[in-house]
N, C-alpha and C. Protein backbone atom coordinates (compact mmCIF):
# COMPACT_ATOMS: atom_id res chain seq x y z
N ARG A 1 -17.65 59.10 -10.08
CA ARG A 1 -18.05 58.10 -11.30
C ARG A 1 -16.60 57.96 -11.98
N PRO A 2 -16.06 56.73 -12.12
CA PRO A 2 -14.65 56.53 -12.80
C PRO A 2 -14.80 57.02 -14.26
N PRO A 3 -13.72 57.36 -14.84
CA PRO A 3 -13.54 57.77 -16.13
C PRO A 3 -13.98 56.57 -17.10
N ALA A 4 -14.08 56.77 -18.41
CA ALA A 4 -14.41 55.74 -19.26
C ALA A 4 -13.22 54.95 -19.47
N GLY A 5 -13.30 53.49 -19.67
CA GLY A 5 -12.37 52.61 -19.63
C GLY A 5 -11.84 52.08 -18.42
N THR A 6 -12.40 52.52 -17.29
CA THR A 6 -11.91 51.96 -15.94
C THR A 6 -12.57 50.83 -15.39
N ILE A 7 -11.61 49.86 -14.94
CA ILE A 7 -12.25 48.50 -14.34
C ILE A 7 -11.83 48.59 -12.81
N LEU A 8 -12.93 48.63 -12.17
CA LEU A 8 -12.82 48.64 -10.51
C LEU A 8 -13.22 47.23 -9.90
N GLU A 9 -12.39 46.78 -9.37
CA GLU A 9 -12.65 45.51 -8.59
C GLU A 9 -13.44 45.90 -7.29
N ASN A 10 -14.32 45.26 -6.88
CA ASN A 10 -15.36 45.62 -5.94
C ASN A 10 -15.61 46.91 -5.72
N SER A 11 -15.65 47.77 -6.88
CA SER A 11 -15.97 49.21 -6.90
C SER A 11 -15.33 49.94 -5.88
N THR A 12 -14.03 49.88 -5.70
CA THR A 12 -13.19 50.94 -5.00
C THR A 12 -11.96 51.13 -5.76
N CYS A 13 -11.48 52.21 -5.73
CA CYS A 13 -10.13 52.58 -6.51
C CYS A 13 -9.77 53.72 -5.67
N ALA A 14 -8.45 53.85 -5.24
CA ALA A 14 -7.84 54.94 -4.45
C ALA A 14 -7.77 56.14 -5.39
N ASP A 15 -7.61 56.03 -6.54
CA ASP A 15 -7.25 57.18 -7.39
C ASP A 15 -8.54 57.35 -8.49
N SER A 16 -9.21 58.37 -8.44
CA SER A 16 -10.52 58.66 -9.30
C SER A 16 -10.14 58.76 -10.65
N THR A 17 -8.74 59.18 -11.04
CA THR A 17 -8.46 59.46 -12.16
C THR A 17 -6.90 58.71 -12.53
N PRO A 18 -7.05 57.37 -12.55
CA PRO A 18 -5.92 56.59 -12.73
C PRO A 18 -5.30 56.96 -13.86
N THR A 19 -3.77 56.92 -13.88
CA THR A 19 -2.98 57.14 -15.08
C THR A 19 -3.08 56.24 -16.27
N THR A 20 -3.52 55.16 -15.94
CA THR A 20 -3.85 53.93 -17.17
C THR A 20 -5.45 53.84 -16.93
N PRO A 21 -5.90 53.31 -18.06
CA PRO A 21 -7.26 53.34 -18.22
C PRO A 21 -7.96 52.14 -17.25
N LEU A 22 -7.36 51.40 -16.86
CA LEU A 22 -7.87 50.07 -16.03
C LEU A 22 -7.54 50.23 -14.53
N CYS A 23 -8.36 50.06 -13.71
CA CYS A 23 -7.95 50.55 -12.22
C CYS A 23 -8.63 49.21 -11.28
N ASP A 24 -7.77 48.45 -10.47
CA ASP A 24 -8.40 47.69 -9.71
C ASP A 24 -7.97 47.80 -8.27
N ASN A 25 -8.86 48.16 -7.43
CA ASN A 25 -8.49 48.44 -5.99
C ASN A 25 -7.33 49.25 -5.90
N GLY A 26 -7.10 50.27 -6.68
CA GLY A 26 -6.12 51.26 -6.82
C GLY A 26 -4.70 50.73 -7.43
N PHE A 27 -4.93 49.72 -7.93
CA PHE A 27 -3.66 49.09 -8.69
C PHE A 27 -4.09 49.44 -10.24
N ALA A 28 -3.44 49.71 -10.98
CA ALA A 28 -3.49 50.11 -12.38
C ALA A 28 -3.22 48.67 -13.49
N TYR A 29 -4.26 48.25 -14.32
CA TYR A 29 -3.87 47.21 -15.13
C TYR A 29 -4.15 47.89 -16.52
N SER A 30 -3.35 47.33 -17.48
CA SER A 30 -3.60 47.51 -18.75
C SER A 30 -4.68 47.03 -19.72
N THR A 31 -5.14 45.81 -19.23
CA THR A 31 -6.17 45.05 -19.79
C THR A 31 -7.04 44.53 -19.05
N VAL A 32 -8.22 44.12 -19.56
CA VAL A 32 -9.33 43.46 -18.70
C VAL A 32 -8.62 42.15 -18.16
N GLN A 33 -7.91 41.48 -19.08
CA GLN A 33 -7.22 40.07 -18.60
C GLN A 33 -6.54 40.27 -17.43
N GLY A 34 -5.71 41.31 -17.37
CA GLY A 34 -4.96 41.61 -16.24
C GLY A 34 -5.60 41.89 -14.97
N ALA A 35 -6.87 42.59 -15.08
CA ALA A 35 -7.79 42.64 -13.91
C ALA A 35 -8.40 41.35 -13.44
N ILE A 36 -8.84 40.44 -14.33
CA ILE A 36 -9.12 39.23 -14.02
C ILE A 36 -8.10 38.40 -13.51
N ASP A 37 -6.91 38.40 -13.85
CA ASP A 37 -5.86 37.61 -13.23
C ASP A 37 -5.69 38.05 -11.74
N ALA A 38 -5.60 39.35 -11.60
CA ALA A 38 -5.40 39.85 -10.32
C ALA A 38 -6.44 39.75 -9.23
N ALA A 39 -7.72 39.49 -9.79
CA ALA A 39 -8.73 39.46 -8.96
C ALA A 39 -8.71 38.24 -7.94
N ALA A 40 -9.32 38.49 -6.80
CA ALA A 40 -9.23 37.24 -6.01
C ALA A 40 -10.83 36.62 -6.23
N SER A 41 -10.75 35.37 -6.07
CA SER A 41 -12.00 34.58 -6.23
C SER A 41 -13.22 35.24 -5.31
N GLY A 42 -14.21 35.38 -6.21
CA GLY A 42 -15.56 35.86 -5.52
C GLY A 42 -15.59 37.31 -5.73
N ASN A 43 -14.58 38.05 -6.40
CA ASN A 43 -14.56 39.47 -6.58
C ASN A 43 -15.40 39.85 -7.76
N THR A 44 -15.91 41.07 -7.68
CA THR A 44 -16.70 41.80 -8.90
C THR A 44 -15.87 42.81 -9.49
N ILE A 45 -15.61 42.79 -10.86
CA ILE A 45 -14.84 43.55 -11.63
C ILE A 45 -15.85 44.55 -12.47
N ASN A 46 -16.15 45.78 -12.18
CA ASN A 46 -16.90 46.77 -12.76
C ASN A 46 -16.30 47.48 -13.81
N VAL A 47 -16.75 47.29 -15.02
CA VAL A 47 -16.06 47.82 -16.27
C VAL A 47 -16.79 49.00 -16.63
N SER A 48 -15.94 50.15 -16.89
CA SER A 48 -16.56 51.16 -17.25
C SER A 48 -16.73 51.34 -18.78
N ALA A 49 -17.37 52.33 -19.35
CA ALA A 49 -17.58 52.56 -20.92
C ALA A 49 -16.29 52.60 -21.53
N GLY A 50 -16.17 51.68 -22.76
CA GLY A 50 -15.02 51.46 -23.44
C GLY A 50 -15.12 50.37 -24.27
N THR A 51 -14.12 50.26 -25.24
CA THR A 51 -14.09 49.23 -26.06
C THR A 51 -12.90 48.48 -25.78
N TYR A 52 -12.87 46.96 -25.34
CA TYR A 52 -11.99 46.18 -24.84
C TYR A 52 -11.66 45.24 -26.01
N THR A 53 -10.52 45.23 -26.72
CA THR A 53 -10.52 44.29 -27.82
C THR A 53 -9.31 43.46 -27.52
N GLU A 54 -9.81 42.19 -26.70
CA GLU A 54 -8.67 41.32 -26.15
C GLU A 54 -9.64 39.97 -25.88
N GLN A 55 -8.88 39.00 -26.04
CA GLN A 55 -9.31 37.48 -25.76
C GLN A 55 -9.16 37.32 -24.08
N LEU A 56 -10.31 36.73 -23.54
CA LEU A 56 -10.29 36.47 -22.20
C LEU A 56 -10.44 35.15 -21.75
N THR A 57 -9.77 34.68 -20.63
CA THR A 57 -9.86 33.61 -20.07
C THR A 57 -10.23 33.60 -18.44
N ILE A 58 -11.34 32.93 -18.08
CA ILE A 58 -11.75 33.14 -16.74
C ILE A 58 -11.83 31.86 -16.19
N ASN A 59 -10.98 31.46 -14.97
CA ASN A 59 -10.98 30.23 -14.36
C ASN A 59 -11.01 30.36 -12.97
N LYS A 60 -11.69 31.24 -12.46
CA LYS A 60 -12.07 31.43 -11.03
C LYS A 60 -13.36 32.10 -10.87
N SER A 61 -13.95 32.15 -9.58
CA SER A 61 -15.30 32.62 -9.35
C SER A 61 -15.03 34.14 -9.38
N LEU A 62 -15.94 34.74 -10.22
CA LEU A 62 -16.05 36.38 -10.19
C LEU A 62 -17.20 36.87 -10.98
N ALA A 63 -17.50 37.95 -10.80
CA ALA A 63 -18.42 38.62 -11.71
C ALA A 63 -17.83 39.90 -12.60
N LEU A 64 -18.01 39.71 -13.83
CA LEU A 64 -17.62 40.61 -14.69
C LEU A 64 -18.76 41.68 -15.13
N GLN A 65 -18.86 43.01 -14.62
CA GLN A 65 -20.01 43.82 -14.83
C GLN A 65 -19.78 44.94 -15.65
N GLY A 66 -20.60 44.98 -16.76
CA GLY A 66 -20.15 46.09 -17.57
C GLY A 66 -21.11 47.29 -17.25
N ALA A 67 -20.57 48.60 -17.53
CA ALA A 67 -21.48 49.64 -17.13
C ALA A 67 -22.86 49.76 -17.85
N ASP A 68 -22.88 49.34 -19.27
CA ASP A 68 -24.08 49.32 -20.04
C ASP A 68 -23.69 48.59 -21.37
N PRO A 69 -24.73 47.75 -21.85
CA PRO A 69 -24.36 47.09 -23.11
C PRO A 69 -24.17 48.24 -24.25
N ALA A 70 -24.59 49.20 -24.14
CA ALA A 70 -24.45 50.20 -25.35
C ALA A 70 -23.09 50.83 -25.16
N THR A 71 -22.37 50.82 -24.01
CA THR A 71 -20.92 51.50 -23.76
C THR A 71 -19.87 50.79 -23.49
N ALA A 72 -20.17 49.49 -22.81
CA ALA A 72 -19.12 48.59 -22.46
C ALA A 72 -18.90 47.51 -23.58
N ILE A 73 -17.89 47.44 -24.38
CA ILE A 73 -18.02 46.48 -25.48
C ILE A 73 -16.67 45.57 -25.38
N ILE A 74 -16.86 44.33 -25.35
CA ILE A 74 -15.73 43.59 -25.45
C ILE A 74 -15.69 42.92 -27.00
N GLN A 75 -14.65 43.42 -27.72
CA GLN A 75 -14.61 43.01 -29.18
C GLN A 75 -13.68 42.14 -29.34
N LEU A 76 -13.97 41.14 -30.29
CA LEU A 76 -13.22 39.99 -30.65
C LEU A 76 -11.89 40.43 -31.40
N PRO A 77 -10.62 40.27 -31.07
CA PRO A 77 -9.69 40.66 -31.82
C PRO A 77 -9.50 39.64 -33.04
N GLU A 78 -8.66 40.38 -34.16
CA GLU A 78 -8.66 39.73 -35.43
C GLU A 78 -7.84 38.33 -35.31
N ASN A 79 -6.78 38.10 -34.42
CA ASN A 79 -6.13 37.00 -34.25
C ASN A 79 -6.32 36.27 -32.94
N LEU A 80 -6.86 35.27 -32.93
CA LEU A 80 -7.35 34.62 -31.39
C LEU A 80 -6.12 33.41 -31.42
N VAL A 81 -6.01 32.92 -30.13
CA VAL A 81 -5.27 31.58 -29.83
C VAL A 81 -6.37 30.66 -29.82
N ALA A 82 -5.87 29.75 -30.51
CA ALA A 82 -6.89 28.38 -30.66
C ALA A 82 -7.36 27.92 -29.14
N ASP A 83 -8.48 27.53 -28.97
CA ASP A 83 -9.16 27.05 -27.78
C ASP A 83 -9.25 25.64 -28.03
N THR A 84 -9.40 24.92 -26.72
CA THR A 84 -9.65 23.54 -26.56
C THR A 84 -11.19 23.16 -26.55
N CYS A 85 -11.60 22.51 -27.46
CA CYS A 85 -13.00 22.24 -27.67
C CYS A 85 -13.17 20.72 -27.71
N ASN A 86 -14.32 20.26 -27.38
CA ASN A 86 -14.59 18.61 -27.36
C ASN A 86 -14.09 18.32 -28.75
N PRO A 87 -13.66 17.30 -28.91
CA PRO A 87 -13.26 16.71 -30.20
C PRO A 87 -14.54 16.08 -30.85
N ILE A 88 -15.35 16.90 -31.47
CA ILE A 88 -16.57 16.42 -32.29
C ILE A 88 -16.46 16.85 -33.60
N PRO A 89 -17.15 16.12 -34.39
CA PRO A 89 -16.97 16.40 -35.84
C PRO A 89 -17.39 17.68 -36.11
N LEU A 90 -18.13 18.58 -35.38
CA LEU A 90 -18.39 20.02 -35.74
C LEU A 90 -17.27 20.85 -35.80
N TYR A 91 -16.06 20.62 -35.23
CA TYR A 91 -14.92 21.37 -35.18
C TYR A 91 -13.92 21.14 -36.41
N GLY A 92 -13.83 20.22 -37.03
CA GLY A 92 -12.57 20.05 -37.73
C GLY A 92 -11.44 20.28 -36.92
N ALA A 93 -10.61 21.30 -37.01
CA ALA A 93 -9.37 21.60 -36.19
C ALA A 93 -9.46 22.16 -34.92
N GLY A 94 -10.82 22.42 -34.61
CA GLY A 94 -11.02 23.21 -33.09
C GLY A 94 -11.66 24.42 -33.50
N CYS A 95 -11.67 25.33 -32.25
CA CYS A 95 -12.12 26.55 -32.30
C CYS A 95 -11.37 27.50 -31.57
N ALA A 96 -11.96 28.69 -31.77
CA ALA A 96 -11.36 29.73 -30.98
C ALA A 96 -12.38 30.69 -30.33
N SER A 97 -12.25 31.06 -29.09
CA SER A 97 -13.19 31.76 -28.35
C SER A 97 -12.60 33.18 -27.87
N LEU A 98 -13.66 34.21 -27.98
CA LEU A 98 -13.32 35.51 -27.30
C LEU A 98 -13.33 35.53 -25.67
N ILE A 99 -14.25 34.86 -25.09
CA ILE A 99 -14.21 34.65 -23.66
C ILE A 99 -14.46 33.13 -23.25
N GLY A 100 -13.45 32.57 -22.75
CA GLY A 100 -13.22 31.19 -22.28
C GLY A 100 -13.53 31.06 -20.78
N VAL A 101 -14.45 30.41 -20.41
CA VAL A 101 -14.68 30.10 -18.88
C VAL A 101 -14.24 28.57 -18.55
N ALA A 102 -13.21 28.48 -17.84
CA ALA A 102 -12.82 27.19 -17.41
C ALA A 102 -13.25 26.63 -16.25
N GLY A 103 -13.90 27.52 -15.13
CA GLY A 103 -14.34 27.08 -13.99
C GLY A 103 -14.70 28.19 -13.30
N GLY A 104 -15.28 27.78 -11.91
CA GLY A 104 -15.71 28.91 -10.86
C GLY A 104 -17.00 29.17 -10.96
N THR A 105 -17.72 29.97 -10.25
CA THR A 105 -18.96 30.59 -10.42
C THR A 105 -18.83 31.85 -11.12
N VAL A 106 -19.16 32.05 -12.36
CA VAL A 106 -19.00 33.19 -13.06
C VAL A 106 -20.21 33.87 -13.71
N THR A 107 -20.29 35.21 -13.57
CA THR A 107 -21.42 35.95 -14.08
C THR A 107 -20.92 37.18 -15.17
N ILE A 108 -21.24 37.32 -16.26
CA ILE A 108 -20.93 38.21 -17.32
C ILE A 108 -22.19 38.98 -17.72
N ARG A 109 -22.18 40.16 -17.31
CA ARG A 109 -23.40 41.02 -17.21
C ARG A 109 -23.20 42.41 -17.82
N GLY A 110 -23.99 43.03 -18.74
CA GLY A 110 -23.91 44.51 -18.98
C GLY A 110 -23.07 44.76 -20.03
N PHE A 111 -22.73 43.94 -21.14
CA PHE A 111 -21.79 44.28 -22.01
C PHE A 111 -22.52 43.95 -23.46
N THR A 112 -21.81 44.55 -24.44
CA THR A 112 -22.06 44.09 -25.92
C THR A 112 -20.77 43.25 -26.06
N ILE A 113 -21.03 42.10 -26.52
CA ILE A 113 -19.90 41.05 -26.77
C ILE A 113 -20.22 40.74 -28.25
N GLN A 114 -18.89 41.08 -28.89
CA GLN A 114 -19.22 41.23 -30.54
C GLN A 114 -17.89 40.70 -31.53
N GLY A 115 -18.23 40.33 -32.52
CA GLY A 115 -16.85 40.14 -33.59
C GLY A 115 -17.51 39.26 -34.46
N SER A 116 -16.58 39.33 -35.62
CA SER A 116 -16.56 38.52 -36.63
C SER A 116 -16.38 36.97 -36.28
N LEU A 117 -17.06 36.05 -36.67
CA LEU A 117 -17.02 34.69 -36.50
C LEU A 117 -16.26 33.92 -37.45
N TYR A 118 -15.87 34.27 -38.41
CA TYR A 118 -14.99 33.75 -39.43
C TYR A 118 -14.17 34.43 -40.21
N THR A 119 -13.03 34.23 -40.23
CA THR A 119 -12.03 34.81 -41.15
C THR A 119 -11.23 33.97 -42.09
N SER A 120 -10.55 34.47 -42.69
CA SER A 120 -9.68 33.60 -43.66
C SER A 120 -8.60 32.55 -42.99
N GLN A 121 -8.09 33.24 -41.78
CA GLN A 121 -7.19 32.53 -40.80
C GLN A 121 -8.18 31.16 -40.37
N ASP A 122 -9.33 31.34 -39.86
CA ASP A 122 -10.00 30.25 -39.36
C ASP A 122 -10.44 29.59 -40.60
N ALA A 123 -10.68 29.96 -41.93
CA ALA A 123 -11.24 28.94 -42.76
C ALA A 123 -9.98 28.14 -43.21
N ALA A 124 -8.77 28.56 -43.23
CA ALA A 124 -7.61 27.70 -43.46
C ALA A 124 -7.21 26.73 -42.54
N ALA A 125 -7.61 27.01 -41.32
CA ALA A 125 -7.59 26.07 -40.07
C ALA A 125 -8.75 25.22 -39.98
N ASN A 126 -9.54 25.41 -40.66
CA ASN A 126 -10.90 24.67 -40.35
C ASN A 126 -11.39 24.62 -39.17
N ARG A 127 -11.42 26.00 -38.71
CA ARG A 127 -11.77 26.37 -37.25
C ARG A 127 -12.72 27.26 -37.09
N GLY A 128 -13.75 27.03 -36.32
CA GLY A 128 -14.80 28.17 -36.11
C GLY A 128 -14.62 28.94 -34.80
N ARG A 129 -15.35 29.82 -34.84
CA ARG A 129 -15.14 30.91 -33.70
C ARG A 129 -16.23 31.07 -32.84
N ILE A 130 -16.16 31.30 -31.57
CA ILE A 130 -17.04 31.28 -30.72
C ILE A 130 -16.99 32.42 -29.65
N LEU A 131 -18.15 33.23 -29.36
CA LEU A 131 -17.69 34.50 -28.72
C LEU A 131 -17.71 34.05 -27.02
N ILE A 132 -18.45 33.08 -26.77
CA ILE A 132 -18.27 32.64 -25.29
C ILE A 132 -18.26 31.13 -25.29
N HIS A 133 -17.20 30.57 -24.69
CA HIS A 133 -16.99 29.13 -24.67
C HIS A 133 -17.01 28.57 -23.05
N VAL A 134 -17.94 27.97 -22.73
CA VAL A 134 -18.11 27.60 -21.35
C VAL A 134 -17.59 25.99 -21.11
N LYS A 135 -16.44 25.89 -20.68
CA LYS A 135 -15.68 24.60 -20.34
C LYS A 135 -15.81 23.91 -19.27
N GLY A 136 -16.31 24.80 -18.14
CA GLY A 136 -16.42 24.25 -16.98
C GLY A 136 -17.06 25.42 -15.84
N GLY A 137 -17.50 24.88 -14.69
CA GLY A 137 -17.95 26.17 -13.85
C GLY A 137 -19.44 26.12 -13.93
N THR A 138 -19.94 27.16 -13.18
CA THR A 138 -21.33 27.50 -13.16
C THR A 138 -21.46 28.91 -13.70
N VAL A 139 -21.99 29.16 -15.04
CA VAL A 139 -21.91 30.44 -15.67
C VAL A 139 -23.14 31.04 -15.89
N THR A 140 -23.31 32.28 -15.60
CA THR A 140 -24.72 33.03 -15.80
C THR A 140 -24.22 34.12 -16.88
N ILE A 141 -25.01 34.05 -17.99
CA ILE A 141 -24.72 35.16 -18.84
C ILE A 141 -26.06 35.98 -18.90
N ASP A 142 -26.03 37.29 -18.65
CA ASP A 142 -27.19 37.99 -18.43
C ASP A 142 -27.08 39.46 -18.88
N SER A 143 -28.12 39.78 -19.39
CA SER A 143 -28.36 41.13 -19.89
C SER A 143 -27.21 41.78 -20.85
N ASN A 144 -26.87 40.87 -21.76
CA ASN A 144 -25.70 41.55 -22.72
C ASN A 144 -26.54 41.37 -24.02
N LEU A 145 -25.80 42.42 -24.95
CA LEU A 145 -26.03 42.35 -26.44
C LEU A 145 -25.06 41.42 -27.12
N ILE A 146 -25.27 40.44 -27.55
CA ILE A 146 -24.31 39.30 -28.15
C ILE A 146 -24.54 39.55 -29.54
N GLN A 147 -23.60 40.03 -30.40
CA GLN A 147 -23.51 40.02 -31.79
C GLN A 147 -22.47 39.52 -32.65
N GLY A 148 -22.59 38.73 -33.81
CA GLY A 148 -21.82 38.38 -34.64
C GLY A 148 -21.80 39.13 -35.99
N THR A 149 -21.21 38.84 -37.06
CA THR A 149 -21.31 39.28 -38.30
C THR A 149 -21.91 38.24 -39.34
N GLU A 150 -22.62 38.37 -40.05
CA GLU A 150 -23.25 37.47 -40.94
C GLU A 150 -22.34 37.71 -42.08
N ILE A 151 -21.95 36.50 -42.83
CA ILE A 151 -21.05 36.53 -44.06
C ILE A 151 -21.64 35.68 -44.78
N ALA A 152 -22.17 35.91 -46.00
CA ALA A 152 -22.91 35.02 -46.87
C ALA A 152 -22.06 34.14 -47.40
N ASN A 153 -22.49 32.76 -47.34
CA ASN A 153 -21.78 31.52 -47.81
C ASN A 153 -20.47 31.31 -47.12
N GLN A 154 -20.27 31.89 -46.14
CA GLN A 154 -19.08 31.54 -45.29
C GLN A 154 -19.51 31.58 -43.83
N PHE A 155 -19.53 30.26 -43.32
CA PHE A 155 -19.97 29.99 -42.02
C PHE A 155 -19.22 28.68 -41.75
N HIS A 156 -19.07 28.34 -40.42
CA HIS A 156 -18.52 27.10 -40.09
C HIS A 156 -19.61 26.67 -38.98
N ILE A 157 -19.88 25.52 -38.95
CA ILE A 157 -20.78 25.02 -38.11
C ILE A 157 -20.68 25.11 -36.71
N SER A 158 -19.54 25.29 -36.36
CA SER A 158 -19.08 25.45 -34.91
C SER A 158 -18.98 27.10 -34.59
N SER A 159 -19.20 27.99 -35.60
CA SER A 159 -19.19 29.38 -35.37
C SER A 159 -20.44 29.86 -34.71
N GLY A 160 -20.49 30.46 -33.54
CA GLY A 160 -21.76 31.00 -32.88
C GLY A 160 -21.57 31.80 -31.70
N ALA A 161 -22.52 32.08 -30.94
CA ALA A 161 -22.51 32.89 -30.02
C ALA A 161 -21.95 32.28 -28.49
N ILE A 162 -22.46 31.32 -28.11
CA ILE A 162 -22.11 30.56 -26.79
C ILE A 162 -22.17 29.18 -27.13
N PHE A 163 -21.11 28.50 -26.75
CA PHE A 163 -20.93 27.01 -26.99
C PHE A 163 -20.63 26.56 -25.38
N MET A 164 -21.16 25.47 -25.00
CA MET A 164 -20.88 25.03 -23.70
C MET A 164 -20.60 23.41 -23.95
N ASP A 165 -19.38 22.94 -23.51
CA ASP A 165 -19.13 21.51 -23.55
C ASP A 165 -18.76 21.11 -22.21
N GLY A 166 -18.97 21.84 -21.06
CA GLY A 166 -18.99 21.50 -19.83
C GLY A 166 -19.39 22.47 -18.71
N GLY A 167 -19.66 22.09 -17.53
CA GLY A 167 -20.20 22.81 -16.51
C GLY A 167 -21.49 23.12 -16.74
N SER A 168 -22.13 24.23 -16.14
CA SER A 168 -23.53 24.45 -16.48
C SER A 168 -23.58 26.02 -16.73
N ILE A 169 -24.82 26.37 -17.27
CA ILE A 169 -24.98 27.74 -17.90
C ILE A 169 -26.33 28.15 -17.71
N THR A 170 -26.47 29.43 -17.18
CA THR A 170 -27.83 30.09 -17.27
C THR A 170 -27.91 31.23 -18.25
N VAL A 171 -28.35 31.34 -19.42
CA VAL A 171 -28.54 32.48 -20.21
C VAL A 171 -29.88 33.27 -20.25
N GLN A 172 -29.85 34.37 -19.89
CA GLN A 172 -31.26 35.24 -19.70
C GLN A 172 -31.16 36.68 -19.98
N ASN A 173 -32.25 37.39 -20.39
CA ASN A 173 -32.13 38.59 -20.70
C ASN A 173 -31.04 39.13 -21.62
N ASN A 174 -30.80 38.29 -22.56
CA ASN A 174 -29.55 38.77 -23.65
C ASN A 174 -30.29 38.96 -24.89
N THR A 175 -29.77 39.78 -25.81
CA THR A 175 -30.11 39.84 -27.08
C THR A 175 -29.07 39.35 -28.06
N PHE A 176 -29.51 38.57 -28.98
CA PHE A 176 -28.55 37.96 -29.81
C PHE A 176 -28.88 38.42 -31.31
N ARG A 177 -27.81 38.94 -31.77
CA ARG A 177 -27.88 39.34 -33.43
C ARG A 177 -26.92 38.87 -34.39
N ARG A 178 -27.28 38.64 -35.66
CA ARG A 178 -26.34 38.43 -36.86
C ARG A 178 -25.58 37.17 -36.56
N PHE A 179 -26.24 35.96 -36.46
CA PHE A 179 -25.54 34.37 -36.35
C PHE A 179 -25.96 33.75 -37.29
N ASN A 180 -25.00 33.30 -38.27
CA ASN A 180 -25.50 32.35 -39.19
C ASN A 180 -25.79 30.96 -38.63
N ARG A 181 -25.25 30.45 -37.63
CA ARG A 181 -25.59 29.00 -37.22
C ARG A 181 -26.42 29.16 -35.92
N TYR A 182 -25.87 29.34 -34.75
CA TYR A 182 -26.35 29.19 -33.69
C TYR A 182 -26.26 30.43 -32.67
N ALA A 183 -27.09 30.49 -31.54
CA ALA A 183 -26.90 31.52 -30.67
C ALA A 183 -26.26 30.68 -29.41
N VAL A 184 -26.94 29.68 -29.02
CA VAL A 184 -26.49 28.74 -27.86
C VAL A 184 -26.47 27.44 -28.14
N LEU A 185 -25.26 26.70 -28.03
CA LEU A 185 -25.24 25.30 -28.45
C LEU A 185 -24.62 24.59 -27.30
N ALA A 186 -25.36 23.69 -26.54
CA ALA A 186 -24.83 22.83 -25.52
C ALA A 186 -24.53 21.28 -26.13
N TYR A 187 -23.19 20.97 -25.92
CA TYR A 187 -22.76 19.74 -26.55
C TYR A 187 -23.56 18.61 -25.82
N ALA A 188 -23.69 17.61 -26.30
CA ALA A 188 -24.14 16.38 -25.56
C ALA A 188 -23.11 15.85 -24.60
N GLY A 189 -23.79 15.59 -23.45
CA GLY A 189 -22.84 15.32 -22.28
C GLY A 189 -22.63 16.35 -21.36
N SER A 190 -22.83 17.59 -21.66
CA SER A 190 -22.70 18.71 -20.58
C SER A 190 -23.95 18.94 -19.80
N SER A 191 -23.72 19.59 -18.63
CA SER A 191 -24.88 19.69 -17.81
C SER A 191 -25.89 20.69 -18.66
N PRO A 192 -26.99 20.59 -18.18
CA PRO A 192 -28.15 21.25 -18.69
C PRO A 192 -28.20 22.66 -18.90
N VAL A 193 -28.75 23.21 -19.76
CA VAL A 193 -28.69 24.72 -19.91
C VAL A 193 -29.91 25.31 -19.13
């Protein structure tokens, strides 16, 4: 069994105790995004227990498999790069997302996906936060704990768990907690949920 914080692509790693916490087919990565970038289309990235505080972009077919929602945590960082959202009145100046999926056949399973959905930075920019933004592809979100932080009298209409404005999505066996606005929102014109 790999040590906590290890990422294994296709469940193989030449070094069972890598010197850095992320390992992909024997090659070390310092971030989940690094493993995603290096993965070939169709690979499975197995993520061991640990907290991963980073913004992720997925634009190829792959499966991101967490060890267990209680121990494999994808945490929203305080500062996010703004995302491209459909220009609809909900967004004001736009949105920022923890996990952005732009294409491919993607599965996200077995994680806690969490973070604060509204900060003073977002308020100043009139921008909402989304935990998972599906912009394209065929996406399955399965068996995760997805949670935000309720903030009394401070929420943006576009702040929520999952927003889809392109592609298609299957959401199953997830638990949603602490959202002021929505858990799943499919924008008109996108494929069915």
